[in-house]
């Protein structure tokens, strides 16, 4: 997930065993890792224009629940 992502998380179909990486880009990942991600793999959570980003635990919960929902909660 990234504020610079061009696709919303609900635009993709999550597959079981898809890797999803979370963390603060400036602290957790090397710059080469971040730069190596294709733009279409950067997802975003829709936010109000003047809102700050959600905290990490909320972002993880939203994505995990969406993937689980797409799998019919199986």
C-alpha atoms as a PDB file:
ATOM      1  CA  UNK A   1       0.000   0.000   0.000  1.00  0.00           C
ATOM      2  CA  UNK A   2       1.172   3.457  -0.788  1.00  0.00           C
ATOM      3  CA  UNK A   3      -0.256   6.943  -0.891  1.00  0.00           C
ATOM      4  CA  UNK A   4       1.289   6.991  -4.372  1.00  0.00           C
ATOM      5  CA  UNK A   5      -0.588   3.871  -5.489  1.00  0.00           C
ATOM      6  CA  UNK A   6      -2.739   4.261  -8.572  1.00  0.00           C
ATOM      7  CA  UNK A   7      -5.051   1.268  -7.989  1.00  0.00           C
ATOM      8  CA  UNK A   8      -7.384   0.912  -5.052  1.00  0.00           C
ATOM      9  CA  UNK A   9      -7.247  -2.299  -3.043  1.00  0.00           C
ATOM     10  CA  UNK A  10     -10.772  -3.185  -4.205  1.00  0.00           C
ATOM     11  CA  UNK A  11      -9.735  -3.092  -7.884  1.00  0.00           C
ATOM     12  CA  UNK A  12      -7.829  -6.364  -7.679  1.00  0.00           C
ATOM     13  CA  UNK A  13      -8.735  -9.978  -7.064  1.00  0.00           C
ATOM     14  CA  UNK A  14      -6.670 -11.346  -4.205  1.00  0.00           C
ATOM     15  CA  UNK A  15      -5.494 -14.908  -4.699  1.00  0.00           C
ATOM     16  CA  UNK A  16      -4.594 -17.254  -1.892  1.00  0.00           C
ATOM     17  CA  UNK A  17      -0.849 -17.152  -1.205  1.00  0.00           C
ATOM     18  CA  UNK A  18      -0.487 -13.645  -2.680  1.00  0.00           C
ATOM     19  CA  UNK A  19       2.311 -11.890  -0.844  1.00  0.00           C
ATOM     20  CA  UNK A  20       1.238  -8.577   0.643  1.00  0.00           C
ATOM     21  CA  UNK A  21       3.934  -6.384   2.143  1.00  0.00           C
ATOM     22  CA  UNK A  22       3.166  -3.778   4.784  1.00  0.00           C
ATOM     23  CA  UNK A  23       5.428  -1.354   6.545  1.00  0.00           C
ATOM     24  CA  UNK A  24       6.713   2.142   6.517  1.00  0.00           C
ATOM     25  CA  UNK A  25       8.525   2.523   3.229  1.00  0.00           C
ATOM     26  CA  UNK A  26      11.154   4.813   4.705  1.00  0.00           C
ATOM     27  CA  UNK A  27      11.934   2.546   7.672  1.00  0.00           C
ATOM     28  CA  UNK A  28      11.214  -1.060   6.748  1.00  0.00           C
ATOM     29  CA  UNK A  29      12.217  -1.386   3.120  1.00  0.00           C
ATOM     30  CA  UNK A  30      15.395  -0.564   1.308  1.00  0.00           C
ATOM     31  CA  UNK A  31      15.071   2.094  -1.364  1.00  0.00           C
ATOM     32  CA  UNK A  32      16.027  -0.463  -4.029  1.00  0.00           C
ATOM     33  CA  UNK A  33      13.165  -2.741  -2.900  1.00  0.00           C
ATOM     34  CA  UNK A  34      10.659   0.116  -3.034  1.00  0.00           C
ATOM     35  CA  UNK A  35      11.945   1.349  -6.387  1.00  0.00           C
ATOM     36  CA  UNK A  36      11.766  -2.186  -7.818  1.00  0.00           C
ATOM     37  CA  UNK A  37       8.022  -2.543  -7.285  1.00  0.00           C
ATOM     38  CA  UNK A  38       5.988  -2.063 -10.464  1.00  0.00           C
ATOM     39  CA  UNK A  39       3.506   0.818 -10.182  1.00  0.00           C
ATOM     40  CA  UNK A  40       0.580  -1.534 -10.790  1.00  0.00           C
ATOM     41  CA  UNK A  41       1.553  -3.414  -7.623  1.00  0.00           C
ATOM     42  CA  UNK A  42       1.247  -0.319  -5.455  1.00  0.00           C
ATOM     43  CA  UNK A  43      -2.255  -0.176  -4.044  1.00  0.00           C
ATOM     44  CA  UNK A  44      -3.928   2.617  -2.165  1.00  0.00           C
ATOM     45  CA  UNK A  45      -6.747   3.015   0.302  1.00  0.00           C
ATOM     46  CA  UNK A  46      -9.188   5.775  -0.717  1.00  0.00           C
ATOM     47  CA  UNK A  47      -9.004   8.705   1.680  1.00  0.00           C
ATOM     48  CA  UNK A  48     -10.678  12.076   2.051  1.00  0.00           C
ATOM     49  CA  UNK A  49      -8.557  14.819   0.415  1.00  0.00           C
ATOM     50  CA  UNK A  50      -7.386  16.452   3.658  1.00  0.00           C
ATOM     51  CA  UNK A  51      -7.057  13.256   5.713  1.00  0.00           C
ATOM     52  CA  UNK A  52      -3.834  11.732   6.908  1.00  0.00           C
ATOM     53  CA  UNK A  53      -2.972   8.133   6.090  1.00  0.00           C
ATOM     54  CA  UNK A  54      -4.430   5.379   8.250  1.00  0.00           C
ATOM     55  CA  UNK A  55      -2.127   3.754  10.743  1.00  0.00           C
ATOM     56  CA  UNK A  56      -0.485   0.479   9.772  1.00  0.00           C
ATOM     57  CA  UNK A  57      -2.697  -1.831  11.836  1.00  0.00           C
ATOM     58  CA  UNK A  58      -5.869  -0.376  10.307  1.00  0.00           C
ATOM     59  CA  UNK A  59      -4.472  -0.710   6.794  1.00  0.00           C
ATOM     60  CA  UNK A  60      -3.527  -4.351   7.411  1.00  0.00           C
ATOM     61  CA  UNK A  61      -6.993  -5.097   8.795  1.00  0.00           C
ATOM     62  CA  UNK A  62      -8.724  -3.574   5.761  1.00  0.00           C
ATOM     63  CA  UNK A  63      -6.637  -5.540   3.258  1.00  0.00           C
ATOM     64  CA  UNK A  64      -6.819  -8.826   5.181  1.00  0.00           C
ATOM     65  CA  UNK A  65     -10.573  -8.574   5.541  1.00  0.00           C
ATOM     66  CA  UNK A  66     -11.046  -7.670   1.874  1.00  0.00           C
ATOM     67  CA  UNK A  67      -9.018 -10.693   0.764  1.00  0.00           C
ATOM     68  CA  UNK A  68     -10.987 -12.928   3.128  1.00  0.00           C
ATOM     69  CA  UNK A  69     -14.273 -11.457   1.847  1.00  0.00           C
ATOM     70  CA  UNK A  70     -13.250 -12.174  -1.745  1.00  0.00           C
ATOM     71  CA  UNK A  71     -12.628 -15.804  -0.740  1.00  0.00           C
ATOM     72  CA  UNK A  72     -16.194 -15.998   0.635  1.00  0.00           C
ATOM     73  CA  UNK A  73     -14.806 -16.035   4.180  1.00  0.00           C
ATOM     74  CA  UNK A  74     -13.336 -19.490   3.701  1.00  0.00           C
END
